[in-house]
Amino acid sequence: RLRTQAEVEAGVKKPAAVAAPAMIPPAAKPAELPEALSVVVPLPQVSPFPTIARIRASPAARQFALAHKLDLATVMGSGADGAIVLKDVEARLASIPSAMPKKPVIGLDLGAMRAAIAAAMARSKREIPHYYLQHQIDVTGCETWLVKRNAERPPQSRLLLGVLAAKAVAAALRRFPAFNGFFQDGKFEAVSAIHIGMAIAIRGGGLAAPAIHDADRLSCDELMAAMRDLVQRMRSGRIRSSEIADATITISSLGERGVEALFGIIYPPQVALVGFGKAVMRPWVVEGTIQPRSVMTVTLSGDHRVSDGHVGALFLAEIGRLLQEPEKL
């Protein structure tokens, strides 16, 4: 019995005596996963497009992507420093079969554009501290000059008062660049090129403002032709989305509707909008005498983060001065 107990005790091995760990060389370590196979756990998303605010993209690209519910994080940019531009968004949408109609669409999707504009206007009133100025300008000289200039022209080639107003704004922006550019990422960026957006009524309701590029470099006849072309194509739905992409300032006129003054909403990320009303006959003091003169009211909606009433008043005064010499525009 004692021998049997000893044999039993001799056959029991203590845990510390287990030799299994000694079988693995001390220098051996568990193999590490290659870096390419590392697992990344995505953070929960709190919005449909969580990265859109941090992605470099043009205003038009952002608005077009928003209107089509496209995440900009899925778009490769071809602009400066990899920024996403409008054509990149359009190309991405075209590559997604379910995102675009199967049949080719000619021109701009006016419904999507109106939705984007509505969203931009709501954002503008929330975020931009608007200030408004009004100035009255004697345009009798402009009307006299237009009568002489148009005397021997066919109707389709005649100049209108609106083209002189647009040309004056473009020329004034050379002296006042604080109204020509974009407020983005908490700062204002002036733009050297002057691309004037012309507010045009969309058939069925709403407004859009396609741009006339380098308006300050165009003659009055070239500017008039560009304005007519934009109006015709906008109202027939043949405008291109790229033409709404890069206006640096917007001009709006309701003179043909009989409105004497308008105070517009700035189209972000632009920082100013100039409005023109109807030219009306008023008593006006000219060289000490009261005379009937044709007077037009011009207004400025400005972004107070970028400019103030003082420089805004000088800007409007410069527009008025330029309209006193239409032959030089």
Foldseek 3Di string as FASTA:
>chain_A
DVVVVVVVVVPDDDPVPDCVVVVDDPVDDPDDDPPVPDDDDDDDDDDLARCQQVAAEFPLLVLLCVLLVHHCVVWFQDDPPGYRYNVRSVVVQVVDPVSDDPDDDAFDPVVSVQVSQVVQLVVLVVPFPKDKDKDKFFLQVVVVVQCVVCVPPDPVQGFDPVLLLVLLLLVLCVVVQLQFFFCGPNRTDGDPWAWEFEWEAEVVGDTATFTDTRSNPDDSRVSRVVVVVVRVCRNVRNHHSVRRRDHREYEYECQVVVFQDDDDGGRHRGFKYKYKHHFDWDFDADPRDTDTTTMIMMMMIGGVVRDDPVVVVVSVVSSSVSSVCSVVD
